[in-house]
Amino acid sequence: MNLQYISDSKGQTTGVFIPINEWNDLKKKYKDIEQEDIDIPEWHKDLVRKRLDDYKKNPGSALNFDAAMDDLEKEL
């Protein structure tokens, strides 16, 4: 695949250019690639909202991801 990466003035990658023939090949291979609608169940949204509210009320209760992963790896 002949991708071209697009960068901003700071050198950060901000996008990718895919040649149209390769894009068309991807659309044939992955039928729903252009689908933007993602159906997230309402119960899932409610759960995420509750967890965000809990975090905002007590941000100190959250674990550091890297530290938690290190602890888990030590137990393996």
C-alpha atoms as a PDB file:
ATOM      1  CA  MET A   1       0.000   0.000   0.000  1.00  0.00           C
ATOM      2  CA  ASN A   2       1.383   3.370  -1.012  1.00  0.00           C
ATOM      3  CA  LEU A   3       0.354   5.630   1.874  1.00  0.00           C
ATOM      4  CA  GLN A   4       1.426   9.237   2.262  1.00  0.00           C
ATOM      5  CA  TYR A   5       1.460  10.707   5.741  1.00  0.00           C
ATOM      6  CA  ILE A   6       0.391  14.307   6.233  1.00  0.00           C
ATOM      7  CA  SER A   7       2.151  16.336   8.951  1.00  0.00           C
ATOM      8  CA  ASP A   8       1.576  19.734  10.514  1.00  0.00           C
ATOM      9  CA  SER A   9       4.202  22.457  10.896  1.00  0.00           C
ATOM     10  CA  LYS A  10       5.470  20.785  14.101  1.00  0.00           C
ATOM     11  CA  GLY A  11       6.062  17.464  12.376  1.00  0.00           C
ATOM     12  CA  GLN A  12       3.093  15.740  14.013  1.00  0.00           C
ATOM     13  CA  THR A  13       1.257  13.305  11.750  1.00  0.00           C
ATOM     14  CA  THR A  14      -2.252  14.637  11.205  1.00  0.00           C
ATOM     15  CA  GLY A  15      -3.572  12.453   8.411  1.00  0.00           C
ATOM     16  CA  VAL A  16      -2.996   9.786   5.813  1.00  0.00           C
ATOM     17  CA  PHE A  17      -3.514   9.941   2.065  1.00  0.00           C
ATOM     18  CA  ILE A  18      -4.587   6.683   0.432  1.00  0.00           C
ATOM     19  CA  PRO A  19      -4.530   6.542  -3.380  1.00  0.00           C
ATOM     20  CA  ILE A  20      -8.065   6.146  -4.756  1.00  0.00           C
ATOM     21  CA  ASN A  21      -7.424   2.761  -6.400  1.00  0.00           C
ATOM     22  CA  GLU A  22      -6.191   1.374  -3.075  1.00  0.00           C
ATOM     23  CA  TRP A  23      -9.159   2.935  -1.262  1.00  0.00           C
ATOM     24  CA  ASN A  24     -11.524   1.260  -3.726  1.00  0.00           C
ATOM     25  CA  ASP A  25      -9.785  -2.077  -3.123  1.00  0.00           C
ATOM     26  CA  LEU A  26     -10.228  -1.628   0.635  1.00  0.00           C
ATOM     27  CA  LYS A  27     -13.935  -0.826   0.161  1.00  0.00           C
ATOM     28  CA  LYS A  28     -14.388  -4.050  -1.792  1.00  0.00           C
ATOM     29  CA  LYS A  29     -12.587  -6.081   0.842  1.00  0.00           C
ATOM     30  CA  TYR A  30     -14.242  -4.441   3.875  1.00  0.00           C
ATOM     31  CA  LYS A  31     -17.852  -3.727   2.897  1.00  0.00           C
ATOM     32  CA  ASP A  32     -18.683  -1.459   5.871  1.00  0.00           C
ATOM     33  CA  ILE A  33     -15.433   0.536   5.907  1.00  0.00           C
ATOM     34  CA  GLU A  34     -17.256   3.808   5.218  1.00  0.00           C
ATOM     35  CA  GLN A  35     -19.898   3.216   7.864  1.00  0.00           C
ATOM     36  CA  GLU A  36     -19.650   5.935  10.499  1.00  0.00           C
ATOM     37  CA  ASP A  37     -22.621   4.960  12.608  1.00  0.00           C
ATOM     38  CA  ILE A  38     -21.622   2.900  15.571  1.00  0.00           C
ATOM     39  CA  ASP A  39     -24.574   1.669  17.520  1.00  0.00           C
ATOM     40  CA  ILE A  40     -23.614   1.900  21.179  1.00  0.00           C
ATOM     41  CA  PRO A  41     -26.296   0.543  23.498  1.00  0.00           C
ATOM     42  CA  GLU A  42     -27.819   3.078  25.874  1.00  0.00           C
ATOM     43  CA  TRP A  43     -26.914   0.928  28.906  1.00  0.00           C
ATOM     44  CA  HIS A  44     -23.256   1.154  27.879  1.00  0.00           C
ATOM     45  CA  LYS A  45     -23.403   4.944  27.573  1.00  0.00           C
ATOM     46  CA  ASP A  46     -25.080   5.130  30.999  1.00  0.00           C
ATOM     47  CA  LEU A  47     -22.347   2.978  32.534  1.00  0.00           C
ATOM     48  CA  VAL A  48     -19.587   5.162  31.062  1.00  0.00           C
ATOM     49  CA  ARG A  49     -21.357   8.339  32.276  1.00  0.00           C
ATOM     50  CA  LYS A  50     -21.632   6.881  35.788  1.00  0.00           C
ATOM     51  CA  ARG A  51     -17.964   5.924  35.841  1.00  0.00           C
ATOM     52  CA  LEU A  52     -16.965   9.407  34.651  1.00  0.00           C
ATOM     53  CA  ASP A  53     -19.116  11.000  37.354  1.00  0.00           C
ATOM     54  CA  ASP A  54     -17.562   8.716  39.985  1.00  0.00           C
ATOM     55  CA  TYR A  55     -14.086   9.655  38.777  1.00  0.00           C
ATOM     56  CA  LYS A  56     -14.872  13.394  38.829  1.00  0.00           C
ATOM     57  CA  LYS A  57     -16.117  13.072  42.415  1.00  0.00           C
ATOM     58  CA  ASN A  58     -12.984  11.218  43.525  1.00  0.00           C
ATOM     59  CA  PRO A  59     -10.121  11.384  40.987  1.00  0.00           C
ATOM     60  CA  GLY A  60      -7.693  10.047  43.580  1.00  0.00           C
ATOM     61  CA  SER A  61      -9.401   6.666  43.483  1.00  0.00           C
ATOM     62  CA  ALA A  62      -8.204   5.954  39.940  1.00  0.00           C
ATOM     63  CA  LEU A  63      -5.201   3.723  39.386  1.00  0.00           C
ATOM     64  CA  ASN A  64      -2.245   4.646  37.231  1.00  0.00           C
ATOM     65  CA  PHE A  65      -2.438   2.332  34.220  1.00  0.00           C
ATOM     66  CA  ASP A  66       1.318   1.718  33.919  1.00  0.00           C
ATOM     67  CA  ALA A  67       1.687   1.042  37.638  1.00  0.00           C
ATOM     68  CA  ALA A  68      -1.298  -1.315  37.611  1.00  0.00           C
ATOM     69  CA  MET A  69       0.136  -3.215  34.626  1.00  0.00           C
ATOM     70  CA  ASP A  70       3.518  -3.475  36.365  1.00  0.00           C
ATOM     71  CA  ASP A  71       1.814  -4.927  39.460  1.00  0.00           C
ATOM     72  CA  LEU A  72      -0.064  -7.464  37.331  1.00  0.00           C
ATOM     73  CA  GLU A  73       3.086  -8.532  35.507  1.00  0.00           C
ATOM     74  CA  LYS A  74       4.880  -9.097  38.801  1.00  0.00           C
ATOM     75  CA  GLU A  75       2.163 -11.569  39.787  1.00  0.00           C
ATOM     76  CA  LEU A  76       2.552 -13.637  36.615  1.00  0.00           C
END
